[in-house]
Amino acid sequence: MRTISYAAAGLEAIAEEMRRDDKVFHLSTDANRDLVDEFGEQRIRGTPIAEGALTGMGLGAAGSGFRPIVDWRMVTFSFVAMDQIVNQASKIHYMFGGQTKFPVTYRASVGGGTRLAAQHSQSPYSMFMNLAGLKMVLPSTPYDVKGLLKSLIRDDNPVISFESTRLMGMTGEVPDGEYTVPIGVADVKRQGSDVTVIALAWLVHEALAAAETLAAEGISVEVVDPRTLVPMDAETLRASARKTGRVVIADEAGPTAGASAEIAALLTEDPDTFAALKAPVRRVCALQVPIPYSPVLEDHVFPDREKIAEAVRDLAR
C-alpha cells in the first residue's frame, strides 16, 4: 500500500469529493494551486481574510443546494466567526424546522509543537463540542483524515474537521481505492490488557510510543483513538475501560471543561464501567496556561510519551 502524508491525504479527500459531486466547492484565504489547476477558480475560491464572511457564505450556500468546504486554516481564525458558528451553523437545522439541509464542512488546524506561540497553538475543540448541532472529528492518521473528511463532506449537517498541526507531515498507509471512515466510530489502535490510554490526535502516536516502552516493563497498554468528538463512540471507550479496569486520557488541550473531562464523564457515569474500574481515571493534558513561545517552556506545557508512561505506571502499581 502507498504511503502519503497527513496533509496530502486531506487534499486527496477534497479532490475526490469534488470529482464525485459538482456541488462541492472550496473557500479559503489560501487557495491550493493544484486544486485550482484541476477545478478552476469558480470552485476553488481564494478569498479575502474575512473568516466571518467565509463561514456565513458557506452556510448560506449549503442551504441553497451546494456542499461547500470552508477552510479556516488555523482554528485561531475561526474565532472571528463565532456568531456565524454559534448562533447560525449549530442551530440552523433546528431553526428551519428540519425543512432544509445544510451540508457545510469546516476545517481547522489545532495544537502546538510548532513554536507558534499562544494564539496559534490552541486546541479549543471543547468550545465547539458544547454546541448542539455540530458534528466534529479529530483524526490522528493519514488514513483517518482522508476517510473522515470524505464522510464529513457527504454528511447533510454542519460539520468540523479539526486536524493536528503536528501531524501534517506525518506519513502513513492510505489505499488507492475509494473508502470512507464512518463518523462516530472510535478505533482501537493497539490491543492491551492492563491499562487503557484514550488519546487524541498527536497524542495517539505518543501513547503508542509509550505503550512500546511499557511493554518492555511488563505492562500491557491498550490505545484507543476516539477519532470523532461529536458524536463520541462511548461504547467502544467504555468497553476498553471495562476490559482493563484502568484508564489514562491524553489530550493536548487543557483539562478544564475539555474533551478529556467529557470522556471521563462518559466512563464514570455508566454504572457497569464505573464498577469495573480498579483506580480513578487519570488525565494527562496540557497545563492550563497560554502556550509559551519558548521551545523549552512549550515542551514543558504539553503532554508527551514520558508523561503518559508515568501516568500508566502509577495506575498499574
Protein backbone atom coordinates (compact mmCIF):
# COMPACT_ATOMS: atom_id res chain seq x y z
CA MET A 1 0.00 0.00 0.00
CA ARG A 2 1.28 3.50 -0.80
CA THR A 3 2.41 5.93 1.91
CA ILE A 4 1.42 9.62 1.87
CA SER A 5 1.38 12.49 4.35
CA TYR A 6 -1.50 13.57 6.57
CA ALA A 7 -1.75 16.87 4.69
CA ALA A 8 -1.74 15.15 1.29
CA ALA A 9 -4.44 12.73 2.44
CA GLY A 10 -6.69 15.65 3.33
CA LEU A 11 -6.18 17.22 -0.10
CA GLU A 12 -6.94 13.90 -1.77
CA ALA A 13 -10.23 13.67 0.09
CA ILE A 14 -11.26 17.10 -1.16
CA ALA A 15 -10.22 16.41 -4.76
CA GLU A 16 -12.02 13.06 -4.85
CA GLU A 17 -15.23 14.51 -3.47
CA MET A 18 -15.10 17.42 -5.91
CA ARG A 19 -14.74 14.98 -8.81
CA ARG A 20 -17.61 12.93 -7.42
CA ASP A 21 -20.04 15.82 -6.87
CA ASP A 22 -20.00 19.10 -8.81
CA LYS A 23 -21.91 20.78 -5.96
CA VAL A 24 -18.78 20.65 -3.79
CA PHE A 25 -16.67 23.81 -3.82
CA HIS A 26 -13.91 25.25 -1.62
CA LEU A 27 -13.46 28.56 0.19
CA SER A 28 -10.19 29.53 1.86
CA THR A 29 -7.91 32.51 2.29
CA ASP A 30 -5.17 30.31 0.80
CA ALA A 31 -6.27 28.55 -2.40
CA ASN A 32 -4.29 25.37 -3.13
CA ARG A 33 -2.64 25.68 -6.55
CA ASP A 34 -3.13 22.02 -7.51
CA LEU A 35 -6.84 22.23 -6.75
CA VAL A 36 -7.16 25.49 -8.70
CA ASP A 37 -5.41 23.91 -11.70
CA GLU A 38 -7.84 20.97 -11.73
CA PHE A 39 -11.14 22.58 -10.73
CA GLY A 40 -10.72 26.24 -11.65
CA GLU A 41 -11.22 29.45 -9.73
CA GLN A 42 -15.03 29.15 -9.67
CA ARG A 43 -14.88 26.08 -7.43
CA ILE A 44 -11.61 26.80 -5.60
CA ARG A 45 -12.09 30.32 -4.29
CA GLY A 46 -9.15 32.23 -2.86
CA THR A 47 -10.83 34.74 -0.59
CA PRO A 48 -10.07 37.88 1.42
CA ILE A 49 -9.01 37.38 5.04
CA ALA A 50 -12.57 37.53 6.37
CA GLU A 51 -13.43 34.29 8.12
CA GLY A 52 -16.76 35.60 9.39
CA ALA A 53 -17.82 36.18 5.78
CA LEU A 54 -16.48 32.80 4.61
CA THR A 55 -18.29 30.94 7.38
CA GLY A 56 -21.60 32.63 6.66
CA MET A 57 -21.24 32.31 2.88
CA GLY A 58 -20.56 28.60 3.22
CA LEU A 59 -23.61 28.08 5.40
CA GLY A 60 -25.83 30.03 3.01
CA ALA A 61 -24.52 28.08 0.03
CA ALA A 62 -25.16 24.82 1.87
CA GLY A 63 -28.78 25.84 2.36
CA SER A 64 -29.01 26.57 -1.37
CA GLY A 65 -28.08 23.08 -2.55
CA PHE A 66 -24.27 23.18 -2.55
CA ARG A 67 -21.70 21.30 -0.42
CA PRO A 68 -19.10 23.92 0.49
CA ILE A 69 -15.81 23.25 2.24
CA VAL A 70 -14.65 26.25 4.27
CA ASP A 71 -11.04 26.05 5.42
CA TRP A 72 -10.42 28.36 8.37
CA ARG A 73 -6.78 27.21 8.33
CA MET A 74 -5.67 27.75 11.95
CA VAL A 75 -8.50 27.35 14.43
CA THR A 76 -7.47 30.76 15.79
CA PHE A 77 -9.00 32.39 12.73
CA SER A 78 -12.40 30.83 13.37
CA PHE A 79 -12.85 32.98 16.47
CA VAL A 80 -13.79 36.00 14.37
CA ALA A 81 -16.67 33.89 13.01
CA MET A 82 -18.12 32.77 16.33
CA ASP A 83 -21.51 34.40 15.73
CA GLN A 84 -21.86 32.51 12.44
CA ILE A 85 -20.79 29.27 14.12
CA VAL A 86 -22.58 29.55 17.47
CA ASN A 87 -25.79 31.32 16.50
CA GLN A 88 -26.16 30.15 12.92
CA ALA A 89 -24.37 26.94 11.87
CA SER A 90 -25.02 24.96 15.04
CA LYS A 91 -28.71 25.94 15.27
CA ILE A 92 -29.82 26.47 11.69
CA HIS A 93 -31.25 23.00 11.02
CA TYR A 94 -33.39 23.33 14.15
CA MET A 95 -34.38 26.93 13.39
CA PHE A 96 -35.58 25.85 9.93
CA GLY A 97 -37.63 23.05 11.47
CA GLY A 98 -35.62 20.44 9.61
CA GLN A 99 -37.01 21.59 6.27
CA THR A 100 -33.59 22.33 4.70
CA LYS A 101 -30.23 20.56 4.77
CA PHE A 102 -27.01 22.46 5.48
CA PRO A 103 -24.11 20.24 4.34
CA VAL A 104 -21.16 22.54 5.05
CA THR A 105 -17.73 21.26 6.08
CA TYR A 106 -15.43 23.49 8.13
CA ARG A 107 -11.73 22.64 8.53
CA ALA A 108 -9.19 23.95 11.04
CA SER A 109 -5.72 23.00 12.25
CA VAL A 110 -5.23 22.68 16.01
CA GLY A 111 -2.48 22.03 18.52
CA GLY A 112 1.03 23.21 19.27
CA GLY A 113 4.54 21.90 18.94
CA THR A 114 5.44 24.18 16.04
CA ARG A 115 6.67 27.18 18.07
CA LEU A 116 3.85 29.50 17.03
CA ALA A 117 3.15 30.95 20.48
CA ALA A 118 -0.09 31.38 22.40
CA GLN A 119 -2.50 32.47 19.68
CA HIS A 120 -1.57 29.83 17.11
CA SER A 121 -1.02 26.77 19.34
CA GLN A 122 -4.51 26.14 20.65
CA SER A 123 -6.77 23.08 20.84
CA PRO A 124 -10.15 24.65 21.69
CA TYR A 125 -12.38 21.94 20.25
CA SER A 126 -14.27 21.58 23.54
CA MET A 127 -15.66 25.09 22.97
CA PHE A 128 -17.37 23.76 19.85
CA MET A 129 -18.32 20.43 21.47
CA ASN A 130 -20.50 22.40 23.87
CA LEU A 131 -22.74 23.49 20.97
CA ALA A 132 -25.69 21.31 20.00
CA GLY A 133 -25.99 20.75 16.26
CA LEU A 134 -22.39 20.30 15.05
CA LYS A 135 -20.60 17.06 14.25
CA MET A 136 -16.81 17.13 14.60
CA VAL A 137 -13.82 14.85 14.14
CA LEU A 138 -10.16 14.84 15.25
CA PRO A 139 -8.26 12.34 13.07
CA SER A 140 -4.79 11.10 14.02
CA THR A 141 -3.55 9.34 10.86
CA PRO A 142 -3.46 9.99 7.10
CA TYR A 143 -5.89 7.07 6.62
CA ASP A 144 -8.35 8.53 9.12
CA VAL A 145 -8.14 12.14 7.94
CA LYS A 146 -8.93 11.16 4.36
CA GLY A 147 -11.73 8.75 5.24
CA LEU A 148 -13.33 11.04 7.80
CA LEU A 149 -13.13 14.12 5.58
CA LYS A 150 -14.91 12.26 2.80
CA SER A 151 -17.64 11.23 5.24
CA LEU A 152 -17.99 14.79 6.51
CA ILE A 153 -18.31 16.26 3.02
CA ARG A 154 -21.10 13.78 2.25
CA ASP A 155 -22.92 14.45 5.52
CA ASP A 156 -26.03 16.65 5.38
CA ASN A 157 -25.17 18.62 8.54
CA PRO A 158 -22.71 21.37 9.51
CA VAL A 159 -19.51 19.53 10.43
CA ILE A 160 -15.98 20.44 11.57
CA SER A 161 -12.73 18.63 10.90
CA PHE A 162 -10.06 19.54 13.45
CA GLU A 163 -6.65 18.49 12.14
CA SER A 164 -3.42 18.42 14.13
CA THR A 165 -0.71 20.84 13.01
CA ARG A 166 1.96 18.46 14.33
CA LEU A 167 0.70 15.65 12.12
CA MET A 168 0.65 17.45 8.76
CA GLY A 169 3.98 15.99 7.65
CA MET A 170 3.44 12.55 9.19
CA THR A 171 3.14 9.75 6.64
CA GLY A 172 1.03 6.61 6.72
CA GLU A 173 -0.61 4.00 4.55
CA VAL A 174 -3.62 5.15 2.53
CA PRO A 175 -5.39 2.91 -0.01
CA ASP A 176 -5.59 3.91 -3.67
CA GLY A 177 -9.23 2.92 -3.91
CA GLU A 178 -12.42 4.52 -2.65
CA TYR A 179 -13.10 4.30 1.11
CA THR A 180 -14.64 6.29 3.93
CA VAL A 181 -14.28 6.20 7.71
CA PRO A 182 -17.65 6.40 9.49
CA ILE A 183 -18.39 9.36 11.74
CA GLY A 184 -18.85 8.40 15.38
CA VAL A 185 -16.73 5.22 15.43
CA ALA A 186 -13.61 5.01 17.62
CA ASP A 187 -10.60 2.88 16.71
CA VAL A 188 -8.52 0.62 18.95
CA LYS A 189 -5.02 1.37 17.67
CA ARG A 190 -3.32 -1.20 19.94
CA GLN A 191 -4.73 -4.08 21.96
CA GLY A 192 -3.75 -4.38 25.61
CA SER A 193 -4.94 -5.80 28.91
CA ASP A 194 -3.59 -3.76 31.86
CA VAL A 195 -4.32 -0.08 31.18
CA THR A 196 -6.34 1.78 28.54
CA VAL A 197 -4.95 5.01 27.14
CA ILE A 198 -7.60 7.07 25.34
CA ALA A 199 -5.57 9.54 23.29
CA LEU A 200 -6.47 12.37 20.94
CA ALA A 201 -4.75 13.40 17.68
CA TRP A 202 -0.96 13.70 18.01
CA LEU A 203 -1.06 12.04 21.40
CA VAL A 204 -2.27 8.80 19.81
CA HIS A 205 1.27 8.41 18.46
CA GLU A 206 2.83 9.43 21.77
CA ALA A 207 0.61 6.87 23.51
CA LEU A 208 1.68 4.16 21.07
CA ALA A 209 5.34 5.01 21.73
CA ALA A 210 4.71 4.89 25.48
CA ALA A 211 2.98 1.53 25.06
CA GLU A 212 6.11 0.11 23.41
CA THR A 213 8.28 1.26 26.30
CA LEU A 214 5.84 -0.07 28.88
CA ALA A 215 5.56 -3.45 27.14
CA ALA A 216 9.26 -3.98 27.88
CA GLU A 217 8.41 -3.37 31.55
CA GLY A 218 5.64 -5.95 31.51
CA ILE A 219 2.71 -3.50 31.31
CA SER A 220 0.21 -4.15 28.52
CA VAL A 221 -1.38 -0.93 27.24
CA GLU A 222 -4.45 -0.64 25.04
CA VAL A 223 -4.56 2.57 22.95
CA VAL A 224 -7.94 3.87 21.81
CA ASP A 225 -8.45 6.78 19.42
CA PRO A 226 -11.96 8.32 19.62
CA ARG A 227 -11.48 9.88 16.13
CA THR A 228 -14.88 11.58 16.40
CA LEU A 229 -15.53 14.13 19.14
CA VAL A 230 -19.25 14.55 18.39
CA PRO A 231 -20.95 12.10 18.34
CA MET A 232 -18.44 10.25 20.52
CA ASP A 233 -18.31 6.45 20.45
CA ALA A 234 -18.98 5.98 24.15
CA GLU A 235 -19.49 2.23 23.91
CA THR A 236 -16.04 1.49 22.42
CA LEU A 237 -14.38 3.67 25.06
CA ARG A 238 -16.38 2.04 27.86
CA ALA A 239 -15.71 -1.47 26.55
CA SER A 240 -11.95 -0.86 26.69
CA ALA A 241 -12.22 0.64 30.19
CA ARG A 242 -14.18 -2.39 31.40
CA LYS A 243 -11.59 -4.68 29.82
CA THR A 244 -8.54 -3.19 31.55
CA GLY A 245 -10.07 -1.50 34.61
CA ARG A 246 -7.61 1.40 34.42
CA VAL A 247 -7.78 4.47 32.15
CA VAL A 248 -5.47 7.32 31.22
CA ILE A 249 -6.87 10.08 28.97
CA ALA A 250 -4.26 12.04 26.98
CA ASP A 251 -5.26 15.33 25.37
CA GLU A 252 -3.16 18.20 24.02
CA ALA A 253 -5.80 20.68 25.24
CA GLY A 254 -6.01 21.92 28.79
CA PRO A 255 -8.04 19.88 31.29
CA THR A 256 -10.68 22.41 32.35
CA ALA A 257 -14.05 21.59 30.72
CA GLY A 258 -12.14 19.78 27.96
CA ALA A 259 -12.68 16.74 25.78
CA SER A 260 -10.78 14.74 28.40
CA ALA A 261 -13.36 15.73 31.01
CA GLU A 262 -16.19 14.65 28.71
CA ILE A 263 -14.54 11.27 28.14
CA ALA A 264 -14.01 10.80 31.88
CA ALA A 265 -17.69 11.57 32.48
CA LEU A 266 -18.78 9.11 29.79
CA LEU A 267 -16.81 6.38 31.54
CA THR A 268 -17.69 7.08 35.15
CA GLU A 269 -21.39 7.84 34.75
CA ASP A 270 -22.00 4.40 33.23
CA PRO A 271 -22.66 2.00 36.15
CA ASP A 272 -21.07 -1.07 34.55
CA THR A 273 -17.93 0.81 33.52
CA PHE A 274 -17.61 2.55 36.87
CA ALA A 275 -17.93 -0.78 38.68
CA ALA A 276 -15.15 -2.27 36.53
CA LEU A 277 -12.64 0.50 37.28
CA LYS A 278 -9.82 -0.52 39.63
CA ALA A 279 -8.46 3.01 40.00
CA PRO A 280 -9.56 6.61 39.39
CA VAL A 281 -9.44 7.83 35.79
CA ARG A 282 -6.22 9.76 35.21
CA ARG A 283 -5.87 12.68 32.78
CA VAL A 284 -2.65 13.79 31.08
CA CYS A 285 -3.31 17.18 29.49
CA ALA A 286 -1.59 20.45 28.68
CA LEU A 287 -1.12 22.83 31.55
CA GLN A 288 -3.97 25.34 31.79
CA VAL A 289 -1.86 28.26 30.55
CA PRO A 290 -1.33 30.23 27.32
CA ILE A 291 1.15 28.27 25.22
CA PRO A 292 4.64 29.79 25.53
CA TYR A 293 6.78 30.66 22.52
CA SER A 294 9.97 29.39 24.15
CA PRO A 295 10.64 25.82 22.89
CA VAL A 296 11.71 24.64 26.34
CA LEU A 297 8.62 26.09 28.01
CA GLU A 298 6.30 24.87 25.25
CA ASP A 299 7.60 21.32 25.62
CA HIS A 300 7.07 21.58 29.38
CA VAL A 301 3.44 22.65 28.94
CA PHE A 302 2.36 19.82 26.61
CA PRO A 303 1.91 16.14 27.50
CA ASP A 304 4.14 13.61 25.77
CA ARG A 305 5.06 9.91 25.79
CA GLU A 306 7.06 10.19 29.03
CA LYS A 307 4.17 11.83 30.90
CA ILE A 308 1.74 9.25 29.53
CA ALA A 309 4.05 6.39 30.53
CA GLU A 310 4.43 7.75 34.06
CA ALA A 311 0.64 8.03 34.50
CA VAL A 312 0.25 4.44 33.28
CA ARG A 313 2.93 3.21 35.69
CA ASP A 314 1.19 4.92 38.59
CA LEU A 315 -2.10 3.24 37.73
CA ALA A 316 -0.52 -0.14 37.11
CA ARG A 317 1.05 -0.07 40.59
